[in-house]
C-alpha atoms as a PDB file:
ATOM      1  CA  MET A   1     111.529 -65.473-125.111  1.00  0.00           C
ATOM      2  CA  ILE A   2     108.928 -64.529-122.401  1.00  0.00           C
ATOM      3  CA  SER A   3     105.721 -65.539-123.494  1.00  0.00           C
ATOM      4  CA  SER A   4     103.223 -62.970-125.195  1.00  0.00           C
ATOM      5  CA  GLU A   5     100.485 -64.416-122.795  1.00  0.00           C
ATOM      6  CA  LYS A   6     102.199 -64.193-119.622  1.00  0.00           C
ATOM      7  CA  TYR A   7     102.799 -60.787-120.286  1.00  0.00           C
ATOM      8  CA  GLU A   8      99.147 -59.686-121.147  1.00  0.00           C
ATOM      9  CA  SER A   9      97.820 -60.966-117.810  1.00  0.00           C
ATOM     10  CA  ALA A  10     100.615 -59.112-115.722  1.00  0.00           C
ATOM     11  CA  ASP A  11      98.999 -56.431-113.803  1.00  0.00           C
ATOM     12  CA  ILE A  12     101.480 -54.188-112.886  1.00  0.00           C
ATOM     13  CA  GLY A  13      99.627 -51.036-112.415  1.00  0.00           C
ATOM     14  CA  MET A  14     100.186 -48.894-115.187  1.00  0.00           C
ATOM     15  CA  THR A  15      97.407 -46.648-117.173  1.00  0.00           C
ATOM     16  CA  LYS A  16      97.580 -48.336-120.489  1.00  0.00           C
ATOM     17  CA  GLN A  17      96.686 -46.385-123.016  1.00  0.00           C
ATOM     18  CA  ALA A  18      95.623 -47.136-127.092  1.00  0.00           C
ATOM     19  CA  GLY A  19      96.088 -45.427-130.161  1.00  0.00           C
ATOM     20  CA  TYR A  20      99.785 -44.343-130.152  1.00  0.00           C
ATOM     21  CA  ARG A  21     101.875 -46.118-133.128  1.00  0.00           C
ATOM     22  CA  ILE A  22     105.279 -45.428-131.757  1.00  0.00           C
ATOM     23  CA  ALA A  23     108.897 -46.034-134.038  1.00  0.00           C
ATOM     24  CA  VAL A  24     111.621 -46.042-132.026  1.00  0.00           C
ATOM     25  CA  ILE A  25     114.705 -44.840-134.010  1.00  0.00           C
ATOM     26  CA  ASN A  26     118.148 -43.578-133.790  1.00  0.00           C
ATOM     27  CA  SER A  27     120.844 -44.355-136.021  1.00  0.00           C
ATOM     28  CA  SER A  28     123.412 -44.477-133.031  1.00  0.00           C
ATOM     29  CA  GLY A  29     123.764 -47.715-131.218  1.00  0.00           C
ATOM     30  CA  ASN A  30     123.277 -48.503-127.884  1.00  0.00           C
ATOM     31  CA  THR A  31     121.119 -45.690-127.281  1.00  0.00           C
ATOM     32  CA  GLY A  32     118.607 -48.110-125.534  1.00  0.00           C
ATOM     33  CA  LYS A  33     115.842 -48.514-127.853  1.00  0.00           C
ATOM     34  CA  SER A  34     114.917 -51.906-127.136  1.00  0.00           C
ATOM     35  CA  LEU A  35     114.893 -50.965-123.396  1.00  0.00           C
ATOM     36  CA  ALA A  36     112.177 -48.047-124.263  1.00  0.00           C
ATOM     37  CA  SER A  37     110.654 -50.455-126.064  1.00  0.00           C
ATOM     38  CA  ASN A  38     110.297 -53.265-123.777  1.00  0.00           C
ATOM     39  CA  TYR A  39     110.362 -51.794-120.260  1.00  0.00           C
ATOM     40  CA  MET A  40     108.180 -48.354-120.798  1.00  0.00           C
ATOM     41  CA  LEU A  41     106.481 -48.654-124.037  1.00  0.00           C
ATOM     42  CA  ARG A  42     104.553 -52.406-123.785  1.00  0.00           C
ATOM     43  CA  PRO A  43     103.598 -52.119-120.176  1.00  0.00           C
ATOM     44  CA  ASN A  44     101.839 -48.788-120.594  1.00  0.00           C
ATOM     45  CA  MET A  45     100.417 -49.387-124.307  1.00  0.00           C
ATOM     46  CA  ASN A  46      97.119 -51.433-125.225  1.00  0.00           C
ATOM     47  CA  LEU A  47      99.832 -53.034-127.549  1.00  0.00           C
ATOM     48  CA  GLN A  48      98.441 -54.676-130.450  1.00  0.00           C
ATOM     49  CA  ARG A  49     101.590 -55.048-132.278  1.00  0.00           C
ATOM     50  CA  HIS A  50     105.421 -55.442-131.747  1.00  0.00           C
ATOM     51  CA  TYR A  51     107.929 -54.918-134.996  1.00  0.00           C
ATOM     52  CA  VAL A  52     111.483 -55.353-134.596  1.00  0.00           C
ATOM     53  CA  ILE A  53     113.642 -53.886-137.442  1.00  0.00           C
ATOM     54  CA  ASN A  54     116.628 -55.827-137.263  1.00  0.00           C
ATOM     55  CA  ASN A  55     119.208 -58.697-139.004  1.00  0.00           C
ATOM     56  CA  LEU A  56     116.735 -61.382-138.428  1.00  0.00           C
ATOM     57  CA  SER A  57     120.165 -63.793-137.888  1.00  0.00           C
ATOM     58  CA  MET A  58     121.561 -61.975-134.938  1.00  0.00           C
ATOM     59  CA  TYR A  59     118.507 -60.568-133.407  1.00  0.00           C
ATOM     60  CA  SER A  60     117.298 -63.115-130.398  1.00  0.00           C
ATOM     61  CA  LYS A  61     113.538 -61.735-129.487  1.00  0.00           C
ATOM     62  CA  THR A  62     112.509 -61.027-125.811  1.00  0.00           C
ATOM     63  CA  TYR A  63     108.578 -61.574-126.325  1.00  0.00           C
ATOM     64  CA  SER A  64     106.910 -64.359-127.903  1.00  0.00           C
ATOM     65  CA  ASP A  65     104.342 -61.807-130.218  1.00  0.00           C
ATOM     66  CA  GLU A  66     107.441 -60.321-131.530  1.00  0.00           C
ATOM     67  CA  ILE A  67     107.733 -59.591-135.131  1.00  0.00           C
ATOM     68  CA  VAL A  68     111.093 -59.166-136.661  1.00  0.00           C
ATOM     69  CA  LEU A  69     111.455 -57.623-139.894  1.00  0.00           C
ATOM     70  CA  SER A  70     115.229 -57.226-141.619  1.00  0.00           C
ATOM     71  CA  GLY A  71     115.222 -52.962-142.809  1.00  0.00           C
ATOM     72  CA  ARG A  72     114.787 -54.284-146.366  1.00  0.00           C
ATOM     73  CA  ASP A  73     111.098 -55.556-145.643  1.00  0.00           C
ATOM     74  CA  PHE A  74     110.162 -52.550-143.734  1.00  0.00           C
ATOM     75  CA  ASP A  75     107.587 -51.869-145.889  1.00  0.00           C
ATOM     76  CA  ASP A  76     105.738 -54.688-144.812  1.00  0.00           C
ATOM     77  CA  ALA A  77     105.464 -53.010-141.572  1.00  0.00           C
ATOM     78  CA  LEU A  78     104.102 -50.062-143.280  1.00  0.00           C
ATOM     79  CA  GLU A  79     101.597 -51.539-144.494  1.00  0.00           C
ATOM     80  CA  ALA A  80      99.969 -53.394-141.588  1.00  0.00           C
ATOM     81  CA  LEU A  81     100.043 -49.866-139.384  1.00  0.00           C
ATOM     82  CA  SER A  82      97.638 -48.580-141.545  1.00  0.00           C
ATOM     83  CA  ASN A  83      95.159 -51.182-140.166  1.00  0.00           C
ATOM     84  CA  LEU A  84      96.602 -50.691-136.115  1.00  0.00           C
ATOM     85  CA  ASP A  85      95.670 -48.131-133.523  1.00  0.00           C
ATOM     86  CA  SER A  86      98.910 -48.645-131.083  1.00  0.00           C
ATOM     87  CA  ALA A  87     102.192 -50.379-131.738  1.00  0.00           C
ATOM     88  CA  ILE A  88     105.467 -49.981-131.143  1.00  0.00           C
ATOM     89  CA  VAL A  89     108.442 -50.012-134.078  1.00  0.00           C
ATOM     90  CA  ASP A  90     112.187 -51.125-132.992  1.00  0.00           C
ATOM     91  CA  ILE A  91     114.385 -50.266-135.113  1.00  0.00           C
ATOM     92  CA  ALA A  92     117.715 -51.535-134.990  1.00  0.00           C
ATOM     93  CA  ALA A  93     120.533 -48.598-135.892  1.00  0.00           C
ATOM     94  CA  HIS A  94     121.860 -50.669-138.604  1.00  0.00           C
ATOM     95  CA  THR A  95     118.875 -50.467-140.237  1.00  0.00           C
ATOM     96  CA  THR A  96     118.054 -46.937-140.223  1.00  0.00           C
ATOM     97  CA  GLU A  97     119.096 -45.964-143.238  1.00  0.00           C
ATOM     98  CA  TYR A  98     116.926 -48.593-144.990  1.00  0.00           C
ATOM     99  CA  VAL A  99     113.917 -47.363-143.023  1.00  0.00           C
ATOM    100  CA  ILE A 100     114.678 -44.020-144.211  1.00  0.00           C
ATOM    101  CA  ASP A 101     115.187 -44.829-147.881  1.00  0.00           C
ATOM    102  CA  ILE A 102     111.924 -46.486-147.612  1.00  0.00           C
ATOM    103  CA  MET A 103     109.591 -43.559-146.037  1.00  0.00           C
ATOM    104  CA  LYS A 104     111.598 -41.336-148.669  1.00  0.00           C
ATOM    105  CA  ASN A 105     110.744 -43.270-151.727  1.00  0.00           C
ATOM    106  CA  ASN A 106     106.846 -43.898-150.221  1.00  0.00           C
ATOM    107  CA  ARG A 107     105.922 -40.403-149.776  1.00  0.00           C
ATOM    108  CA  GLY A 108     103.798 -39.183-146.719  1.00  0.00           C
ATOM    109  CA  SER A 109     104.405 -43.012-145.078  1.00  0.00           C
ATOM    110  CA  HIS A 110     105.853 -41.117-141.838  1.00  0.00           C
ATOM    111  CA  LYS A 111     102.444 -40.446-141.140  1.00  0.00           C
ATOM    112  CA  VAL A 112     101.142 -44.113-140.409  1.00  0.00           C
ATOM    113  CA  PHE A 113     103.204 -42.870-136.794  1.00  0.00           C
ATOM    114  CA  ASP A 114     101.769 -40.824-133.820  1.00  0.00           C
ATOM    115  CA  TYR A 115     105.375 -40.389-132.903  1.00  0.00           C
ATOM    116  CA  PHE A 116     108.925 -40.866-133.160  1.00  0.00           C
ATOM    117  CA  LEU A 117     111.059 -41.679-129.899  1.00  0.00           C
ATOM    118  CA  VAL A 118     114.833 -40.709-130.540  1.00  0.00           C
ATOM    119  CA  PRO A 119     116.524 -42.103-127.401  1.00  0.00           C
ATOM    120  CA  VAL A 120     120.175 -40.465-126.686  1.00  0.00           C
ATOM    121  CA  ILE A 121     122.857 -41.480-124.736  1.00  0.00           C
ATOM    122  CA  LYS A 122     126.061 -38.340-123.699  1.00  0.00           C
ATOM    123  CA  GLY A 123     128.929 -38.354-125.858  1.00  0.00           C
ATOM    124  CA  GLN A 124     129.560 -35.995-129.063  1.00  0.00           C
ATOM    125  CA  LYS A 125     129.619 -38.626-131.524  1.00  0.00           C
ATOM    126  CA  GLU A 126     126.096 -40.107-129.824  1.00  0.00           C
ATOM    127  CA  SER A 127     124.635 -36.615-130.320  1.00  0.00           C
ATOM    128  CA  GLU A 128     125.629 -35.840-133.596  1.00  0.00           C
ATOM    129  CA  ASP A 129     124.100 -39.433-135.095  1.00  0.00           C
ATOM    130  CA  SER A 130     121.475 -38.455-132.735  1.00  0.00           C
ATOM    131  CA  LEU A 131     120.595 -34.930-134.454  1.00  0.00           C
ATOM    132  CA  ASN A 132     121.326 -36.869-138.056  1.00  0.00           C
ATOM    133  CA  THR A 133     118.515 -38.834-137.216  1.00  0.00           C
ATOM    134  CA  ILE A 134     116.137 -36.152-136.138  1.00  0.00           C
ATOM    135  CA  LYS A 135     117.024 -34.058-139.178  1.00  0.00           C
ATOM    136  CA  ALA A 136     116.533 -37.090-141.662  1.00  0.00           C
ATOM    137  CA  LEU A 137     112.771 -37.393-139.938  1.00  0.00           C
ATOM    138  CA  LEU A 138     112.086 -33.896-140.012  1.00  0.00           C
ATOM    139  CA  LYS A 139     113.133 -34.081-144.190  1.00  0.00           C
ATOM    140  CA  LEU A 140     110.626 -36.763-144.621  1.00  0.00           C
ATOM    141  CA  GLY A 141     108.271 -34.283-143.239  1.00  0.00           C
ATOM    142  CA  VAL A 142     107.767 -35.519-139.662  1.00  0.00           C
ATOM    143  CA  PRO A 143     106.341 -32.838-137.359  1.00  0.00           C
ATOM    144  CA  HIS A 144     108.517 -31.433-135.164  1.00  0.00           C
ATOM    145  CA  GLU A 145     106.031 -32.020-132.152  1.00  0.00           C
ATOM    146  CA  SER A 146     105.699 -35.567-133.087  1.00  0.00           C
ATOM    147  CA  ILE A 147     109.615 -36.006-132.315  1.00  0.00           C
ATOM    148  CA  ARG A 148     109.857 -37.034-128.812  1.00  0.00           C
ATOM    149  CA  ILE A 149     113.472 -37.569-127.071  1.00  0.00           C
ATOM    150  CA  ILE A 150     114.528 -39.654-124.062  1.00  0.00           C
ATOM    151  CA  PHE A 151     117.671 -39.066-122.442  1.00  0.00           C
ATOM    152  CA  ASN A 152     119.565 -42.636-120.881  1.00  0.00           C
ATOM    153  CA  ASN A 153     121.894 -43.663-118.169  1.00  0.00           C
ATOM    154  CA  ASN A 154     121.173 -41.288-116.546  1.00  0.00           C
ATOM    155  CA  HIS A 155     120.875 -39.863-112.673  1.00  0.00           C
ATOM    156  CA  PHE A 156     119.748 -36.202-112.303  1.00  0.00           C
ATOM    157  CA  SER A 157     118.144 -33.499-114.734  1.00  0.00           C
ATOM    158  CA  GLU A 158     120.896 -31.338-113.830  1.00  0.00           C
ATOM    159  CA  VAL A 159     123.487 -33.625-115.226  1.00  0.00           C
ATOM    160  CA  ILE A 160     121.946 -34.266-118.436  1.00  0.00           C
ATOM    161  CA  ASN A 161     121.718 -30.423-118.521  1.00  0.00           C
ATOM    162  CA  GLU A 162     125.203 -30.610-118.327  1.00  0.00           C
ATOM    163  CA  GLU A 163     126.131 -33.668-120.291  1.00  0.00           C
ATOM    164  CA  PHE A 164     124.171 -32.936-123.040  1.00  0.00           C
ATOM    165  CA  GLY A 165     124.645 -29.234-123.748  1.00  0.00           C
ATOM    166  CA  TYR A 166     125.699 -29.803-127.136  1.00  0.00           C
ATOM    167  CA  LEU A 167     122.494 -31.884-128.365  1.00  0.00           C
ATOM    168  CA  LEU A 168     120.340 -29.491-126.165  1.00  0.00           C
ATOM    169  CA  LEU A 169     121.640 -26.378-128.507  1.00  0.00           C
ATOM    170  CA  HIS A 170     120.191 -27.830-131.794  1.00  0.00           C
ATOM    171  CA  LEU A 171     117.659 -29.269-130.500  1.00  0.00           C
ATOM    172  CA  ASP A 172     116.739 -26.201-129.424  1.00  0.00           C
ATOM    173  CA  GLU A 173     118.082 -24.642-133.130  1.00  0.00           C
ATOM    174  CA  LEU A 174     115.756 -27.373-134.343  1.00  0.00           C
ATOM    175  CA  LYS A 175     112.591 -26.943-132.742  1.00  0.00           C
ATOM    176  CA  ILE A 176     112.382 -30.135-131.364  1.00  0.00           C
ATOM    177  CA  PRO A 177     110.578 -30.092-128.333  1.00  0.00           C
ATOM    178  CA  TYR A 178     112.197 -32.229-124.931  1.00  0.00           C
ATOM    179  CA  ASP A 179     112.040 -32.235-121.394  1.00  0.00           C
ATOM    180  CA  THR A 180     114.967 -33.345-119.438  1.00  0.00           C
ATOM    181  CA  ASP A 181     112.978 -34.864-116.781  1.00  0.00           C
ATOM    182  CA  ALA A 182     112.223 -37.238-119.482  1.00  0.00           C
ATOM    183  CA  ALA A 183     115.292 -39.764-118.536  1.00  0.00           C
ATOM    184  CA  ILE A 184     115.408 -43.573-118.067  1.00  0.00           C
ATOM    185  CA  GLU A 185     117.865 -43.826-115.220  1.00  0.00           C
ATOM    186  CA  ASN A 186     120.843 -46.234-114.053  1.00  0.00           C
ATOM    187  CA  SER A 187     118.916 -49.248-112.807  1.00  0.00           C
ATOM    188  CA  PRO A 188     120.858 -52.716-112.370  1.00  0.00           C
ATOM    189  CA  LEU A 189     117.023 -54.105-112.711  1.00  0.00           C
ATOM    190  CA  TYR A 190     117.281 -54.980-116.639  1.00  0.00           C
ATOM    191  CA  SER A 191     120.338 -56.872-115.656  1.00  0.00           C
ATOM    192  CA  MET A 192     118.854 -58.976-113.249  1.00  0.00           C
ATOM    193  CA  LEU A 193     115.488 -59.622-114.735  1.00  0.00           C
ATOM    194  CA  SER A 194     117.886 -61.082-117.431  1.00  0.00           C
ATOM    195  CA  ASP A 195     119.559 -63.307-114.758  1.00  0.00           C
ATOM    196  CA  LEU A 196     116.319 -64.871-113.198  1.00  0.00           C
ATOM    197  CA  ASP A 197     115.322 -64.728-117.008  1.00  0.00           C
ATOM    198  CA  ILE A 198     111.625 -63.069-115.850  1.00  0.00           C
ATOM    199  CA  SER A 199     109.887 -60.142-117.577  1.00  0.00           C
ATOM    200  CA  LEU A 200     109.058 -57.386-115.321  1.00  0.00           C
ATOM    201  CA  PRO A 201     105.273 -57.504-115.033  1.00  0.00           C
ATOM    202  CA  GLU A 202     105.422 -61.212-114.314  1.00  0.00           C
ATOM    203  CA  LEU A 203     108.315 -60.056-111.647  1.00  0.00           C
ATOM    204  CA  LEU A 204     105.489 -57.568-110.179  1.00  0.00           C
ATOM    205  CA  SER A 205     102.649 -60.183-110.412  1.00  0.00           C
ATOM    206  CA  ILE A 206     104.245 -62.562-108.146  1.00  0.00           C
ATOM    207  CA  PRO A 207     102.807 -62.635-104.219  1.00  0.00           C
ATOM    208  CA  ILE A 208     106.057 -61.112-102.947  1.00  0.00           C
ATOM    209  CA  GLU A 209     104.795 -61.710 -99.425  1.00  0.00           C
ATOM    210  CA  GLU A 210     104.378 -65.073 -99.936  1.00  0.00           C
ATOM    211  CA  LYS A 211     108.138 -64.901-101.087  1.00  0.00           C
ATOM    212  CA  LYS A 212     109.049 -63.044 -98.290  1.00  0.00           C
ATOM    213  CA  ASN A 213     107.514 -65.150 -95.680  1.00  0.00           C
ATOM    214  CA  ARG A 214     109.288 -68.187 -97.367  1.00  0.00           C
ATOM    215  CA  GLN A 215     112.709 -66.392 -97.352  1.00  0.00           C
ATOM    216  CA  GLU A 216     112.412 -65.882 -93.303  1.00  0.00           C
ATOM    217  CA  TYR A 217     111.430 -69.783 -92.989  1.00  0.00           C
ATOM    218  CA  LEU A 218     114.288 -70.538 -94.649  1.00  0.00           C
ATOM    219  CA  ARG A 219     116.533 -67.860 -93.277  1.00  0.00           C
ATOM    220  CA  THR A 220     115.731 -68.948 -89.643  1.00  0.00           C
ATOM    221  CA  LYS A 221     115.918 -72.351 -89.969  1.00  0.00           C
ATOM    222  CA  LYS A 222     119.229 -73.734 -88.797  1.00  0.00           C
ATOM    223  CA  ILE A 223     121.986 -74.365 -91.441  1.00  0.00           C
ATOM    224  CA  THR A 224     121.951 -77.889 -90.479  1.00  0.00           C
ATOM    225  CA  GLU A 225     118.782 -78.433 -90.327  1.00  0.00           C
ATOM    226  CA  ARG A 226     118.495 -76.832 -94.166  1.00  0.00           C
ATOM    227  CA  THR A 227     118.575 -79.556 -96.929  1.00  0.00           C
ATOM    228  CA  GLU A 228     120.859 -78.387-100.212  1.00  0.00           C
ATOM    229  CA  GLU A 229     117.653 -77.745-102.099  1.00  0.00           C
ATOM    230  CA  GLU A 230     116.327 -75.153 -99.459  1.00  0.00           C
ATOM    231  CA  SER A 231     119.567 -73.547 -99.308  1.00  0.00           C
ATOM    232  CA  GLU A 232     119.343 -73.224-103.209  1.00  0.00           C
ATOM    233  CA  GLU A 233     115.658 -72.036-102.566  1.00  0.00           C
ATOM    234  CA  LEU A 234     116.470 -69.078-100.049  1.00  0.00           C
ATOM    235  CA  GLN A 235     119.146 -68.050-102.499  1.00  0.00           C
ATOM    236  CA  ALA A 236     116.788 -67.542-105.336  1.00  0.00           C
ATOM    237  CA  LEU A 237     114.562 -66.082-103.223  1.00  0.00           C
ATOM    238  CA  VAL A 238     116.743 -63.355-102.328  1.00  0.00           C
ATOM    239  CA  ASN A 239     117.791 -62.780-105.155  1.00  0.00           C
ATOM    240  CA  LEU A 240     113.711 -62.901-106.488  1.00  0.00           C
ATOM    241  CA  ILE A 241     113.010 -60.166-103.802  1.00  0.00           C
ATOM    242  CA  MET A 242     115.895 -57.937-104.041  1.00  0.00           C
ATOM    243  CA  THR A 243     115.309 -57.495-107.881  1.00  0.00           C
ATOM    244  CA  TRP A 244     111.676 -56.762-106.808  1.00  0.00           C
ATOM    245  CA  ARG A 245     112.220 -54.264-104.114  1.00  0.00           C
ATOM    246  CA  CYS A 246     114.664 -52.853-107.167  1.00  0.00           C
ATOM    247  CA  ALA A 247     111.652 -52.463-109.590  1.00  0.00           C
ATOM    248  CA  GLN A 248     109.432 -50.601-107.383  1.00  0.00           C
ATOM    249  CA  SER A 249     111.642 -47.076-108.420  1.00  0.00           C
ATOM    250  CA  ALA A 250     112.354 -48.042-112.110  1.00  0.00           C
ATOM    251  CA  VAL A 251     108.844 -48.895-112.350  1.00  0.00           C
ATOM    252  CA  LYS A 252     107.899 -45.075-110.901  1.00  0.00           C
ATOM    253  CA  ASN A 253     110.974 -43.642-112.757  1.00  0.00           C
ATOM    254  CA  LEU A 254     109.392 -45.486-116.314  1.00  0.00           C
ATOM    255  CA  ASN A 255     105.731 -44.526-115.656  1.00  0.00           C
ATOM    256  CA  ASN A 256     106.889 -40.620-115.104  1.00  0.00           C
ATOM    257  CA  VAL A 257     108.493 -40.484-118.036  1.00  0.00           C
ATOM    258  CA  TYR A 258     106.185 -42.178-120.073  1.00  0.00           C
ATOM    259  CA  GLN A 259     103.430 -39.512-118.733  1.00  0.00           C
ATOM    260  CA  LEU A 260     106.089 -36.864-119.725  1.00  0.00           C
ATOM    261  CA  LEU A 261     106.356 -38.103-123.130  1.00  0.00           C
ATOM    262  CA  PHE A 262     103.222 -38.922-124.501  1.00  0.00           C
ATOM    263  CA  THR A 263     100.943 -36.550-122.131  1.00  0.00           C
ATOM    264  CA  LYS A 264     102.314 -32.971-120.962  1.00  0.00           C
ATOM    265  CA  LEU A 265     104.868 -32.632-123.849  1.00  0.00           C
END
């Protein structure tokens, strides 16, 4: 688990914006809800609260300041959101029905959210689940312009137009705004961060030139003169620097997607 204090102190060159209360929701599983919450939204927001609506016994926190609630306790989050300016509510797929039902029974409660972010991935069933989620939000009274679509696991917008044809057709019919450039690209970064047990802000805040100099020193040192500890350190530095380099393009992508979703659409 990552300390929120470390998270807040890291400077990763993003322009943070306050004032958004964003629900990340889709009844389809594995669409990248946590990825969008942890790597795109958190670094770009002056975050006051981060809720995760999930099974308490199954969910493992990524950040120490996350507040985990069950679907049945979602109304606790709704009550708190009324007094917040900036918050993320990451809603697990299996709790979506509870969340929708609670908002149905609490008329107008959707208004505590500025946006509903719906991450989508390719696939017929996944597209149908995404559309059903969007229709349920519209039925609650969520304005069309408050729904944002983020495309996950993609490389190019032209591929999105091809692979998401069914979804895009129905988004047009429902008058839901979208930009096919708002896509989080495939990247090994997220698994690499997990392997290193480090957060993205922590990674980008390390003195990388010092690490590179140390790596070069150890690399050029004769193997016969290198201690076992130095060999292990060299490998760790190689992995760290590779991850840092990978992060440069990923962060640019994440920043661009955030700007497209919340400043341009």
